[in-house]
Amino acid sequence: MMATNLMSSYKTWLKYRETRSELSRLDNRELADLGISRHDIKSIAKQAAGY
């Protein structure tokens, strides 16, 4: 059970990290085209990961 929770937490963290990294690579114009400001990246990544 503990291993399952650990694996689930790790997968959630990976999803957060991947999303944040991908959005951070975009320039401000690309983010604006998506309706995202650089300030929003962290919260969007958390939402995508299910935090």
N, C-alpha and C. Protein backbone atom coordinates (compact mmCIF):
# COMPACT_ATOMS: atom_id res chain seq x y z
N MET A 1 0.83 -1.19 0.00
CA MET A 1 0.00 0.00 0.00
C MET A 1 0.87 1.26 0.00
N MET A 2 1.87 1.28 0.84
CA MET A 2 2.74 2.45 0.90
C MET A 2 3.49 2.64 -0.43
N ALA A 3 3.89 1.54 -1.05
CA ALA A 3 4.57 1.63 -2.35
C ALA A 3 3.64 2.19 -3.41
N THR A 4 2.37 1.84 -3.35
CA THR A 4 1.39 2.35 -4.31
C THR A 4 1.22 3.85 -4.13
N ASN A 5 1.12 4.30 -2.88
CA ASN A 5 0.98 5.74 -2.62
C ASN A 5 2.22 6.49 -3.06
N LEU A 6 3.38 5.91 -2.82
CA LEU A 6 4.63 6.53 -3.21
C LEU A 6 4.70 6.65 -4.73
N MET A 7 4.33 5.61 -5.43
CA MET A 7 4.36 5.61 -6.89
C MET A 7 3.36 6.62 -7.44
N SER A 8 2.19 6.68 -6.84
CA SER A 8 1.18 7.64 -7.27
C SER A 8 1.67 9.07 -7.07
N SER A 9 2.28 9.33 -5.92
CA SER A 9 2.82 10.66 -5.64
C SER A 9 3.92 11.03 -6.63
N TYR A 10 4.75 10.07 -6.95
CA TYR A 10 5.84 10.30 -7.90
C TYR A 10 5.29 10.61 -9.28
N LYS A 11 4.29 9.88 -9.72
CA LYS A 11 3.68 10.12 -11.03
C LYS A 11 3.02 11.50 -11.09
N THR A 12 2.38 11.89 -9.99
CA THR A 12 1.77 13.21 -9.92
C THR A 12 2.83 14.29 -10.03
N TRP A 13 3.91 14.11 -9.28
CA TRP A 13 5.01 15.08 -9.31
C TRP A 13 5.63 15.15 -10.70
N LEU A 14 5.81 14.00 -11.38
CA LEU A 14 6.36 13.99 -12.74
C LEU A 14 5.46 14.77 -13.70
N LYS A 15 4.16 14.57 -13.60
CA LYS A 15 3.22 15.28 -14.46
C LYS A 15 3.32 16.78 -14.22
N TYR A 16 3.41 17.19 -12.95
CA TYR A 16 3.57 18.60 -12.61
C TYR A 16 4.85 19.15 -13.22
N ARG A 17 5.95 18.43 -13.04
CA ARG A 17 7.25 18.87 -13.54
C ARG A 17 7.28 18.96 -15.06
N GLU A 18 6.70 17.97 -15.73
CA GLU A 18 6.66 17.98 -17.20
C GLU A 18 5.85 19.17 -17.72
N THR A 19 4.69 19.37 -17.15
CA THR A 19 3.82 20.47 -17.59
C THR A 19 4.49 21.81 -17.36
N ARG A 20 5.06 21.98 -16.17
CA ARG A 20 5.72 23.26 -15.86
C ARG A 20 6.91 23.49 -16.79
N SER A 21 7.66 22.45 -17.05
CA SER A 21 8.83 22.57 -17.93
C SER A 21 8.42 22.92 -19.36
N GLU A 22 7.40 22.24 -19.86
CA GLU A 22 6.95 22.50 -21.23
C GLU A 22 6.42 23.92 -21.39
N LEU A 23 5.63 24.37 -20.43
CA LEU A 23 5.09 25.73 -20.52
C LEU A 23 6.19 26.77 -20.34
N SER A 24 7.16 26.49 -19.51
CA SER A 24 8.26 27.43 -19.28
C SER A 24 9.13 27.63 -20.51
N ARG A 25 9.17 26.63 -21.37
CA ARG A 25 9.96 26.73 -22.60
C ARG A 25 9.33 27.64 -23.64
N LEU A 26 8.03 27.89 -23.52
CA LEU A 26 7.36 28.76 -24.47
C LEU A 26 7.73 30.21 -24.21
N ASP A 27 7.78 30.99 -25.28
CA ASP A 27 8.05 32.42 -25.07
C ASP A 27 6.74 33.12 -24.71
N ASN A 28 6.84 34.38 -24.31
CA ASN A 28 5.67 35.11 -23.83
C ASN A 28 4.57 35.22 -24.88
N ARG A 29 4.95 35.35 -26.13
CA ARG A 29 3.94 35.45 -27.19
C ARG A 29 3.18 34.13 -27.36
N GLU A 30 3.91 33.02 -27.32
CA GLU A 30 3.25 31.71 -27.43
C GLU A 30 2.32 31.48 -26.24
N LEU A 31 2.76 31.86 -25.06
CA LEU A 31 1.90 31.73 -23.89
C LEU A 31 0.65 32.60 -24.04
N ALA A 32 0.84 33.82 -24.52
CA ALA A 32 -0.30 34.73 -24.72
C ALA A 32 -1.29 34.16 -25.73
N ASP A 33 -0.78 33.51 -26.77
CA ASP A 33 -1.66 32.88 -27.76
C ASP A 33 -2.54 31.81 -27.11
N LEU A 34 -2.02 31.18 -26.05
CA LEU A 34 -2.77 30.15 -25.33
C LEU A 34 -3.62 30.74 -24.20
N GLY A 35 -3.50 32.06 -24.01
CA GLY A 35 -4.25 32.71 -22.95
C GLY A 35 -3.64 32.49 -21.57
N ILE A 36 -2.32 32.27 -21.54
CA ILE A 36 -1.61 31.98 -20.30
C ILE A 36 -0.55 33.05 -20.07
N SER A 37 -0.44 33.52 -18.85
CA SER A 37 0.67 34.41 -18.51
C SER A 37 1.74 33.57 -17.82
N ARG A 38 2.95 34.04 -17.85
CA ARG A 38 4.05 33.32 -17.22
C ARG A 38 3.77 33.09 -15.73
N HIS A 39 3.08 34.03 -15.14
CA HIS A 39 2.72 33.94 -13.72
C HIS A 39 1.79 32.75 -13.44
N ASP A 40 1.02 32.32 -14.43
CA ASP A 40 0.04 31.25 -14.26
C ASP A 40 0.61 29.85 -14.39
N ILE A 41 1.83 29.72 -14.86
CA ILE A 41 2.40 28.41 -15.19
C ILE A 41 2.35 27.45 -14.00
N LYS A 42 2.78 27.90 -12.85
CA LYS A 42 2.83 27.01 -11.68
C LYS A 42 1.44 26.48 -11.33
N SER A 43 0.44 27.34 -11.31
CA SER A 43 -0.90 26.89 -10.94
C SER A 43 -1.51 25.99 -12.02
N ILE A 44 -1.22 26.27 -13.27
CA ILE A 44 -1.71 25.41 -14.35
C ILE A 44 -1.07 24.02 -14.26
N ALA A 45 0.21 23.98 -13.97
CA ALA A 45 0.91 22.70 -13.82
C ALA A 45 0.35 21.91 -12.64
N LYS A 46 0.05 22.58 -11.55
CA LYS A 46 -0.55 21.91 -10.39
C LYS A 46 -1.90 21.33 -10.75
N GLN A 47 -2.70 22.10 -11.46
CA GLN A 47 -4.03 21.65 -11.86
C GLN A 47 -3.91 20.45 -12.81
N ALA A 48 -3.00 20.50 -13.75
CA ALA A 48 -2.82 19.40 -14.70
C ALA A 48 -2.39 18.11 -14.00
N ALA A 49 -1.60 18.27 -12.95
CA ALA A 49 -1.12 17.10 -12.22
C ALA A 49 -2.14 16.56 -11.23
N GLY A 50 -3.14 17.36 -10.92
CA GLY A 50 -4.17 16.91 -9.99
C GLY A 50 -3.90 17.27 -8.54
N TYR A 51 -3.06 18.27 -8.32
CA TYR A 51 -2.81 18.73 -6.95
C TYR A 51 -3.98 19.49 -6.44
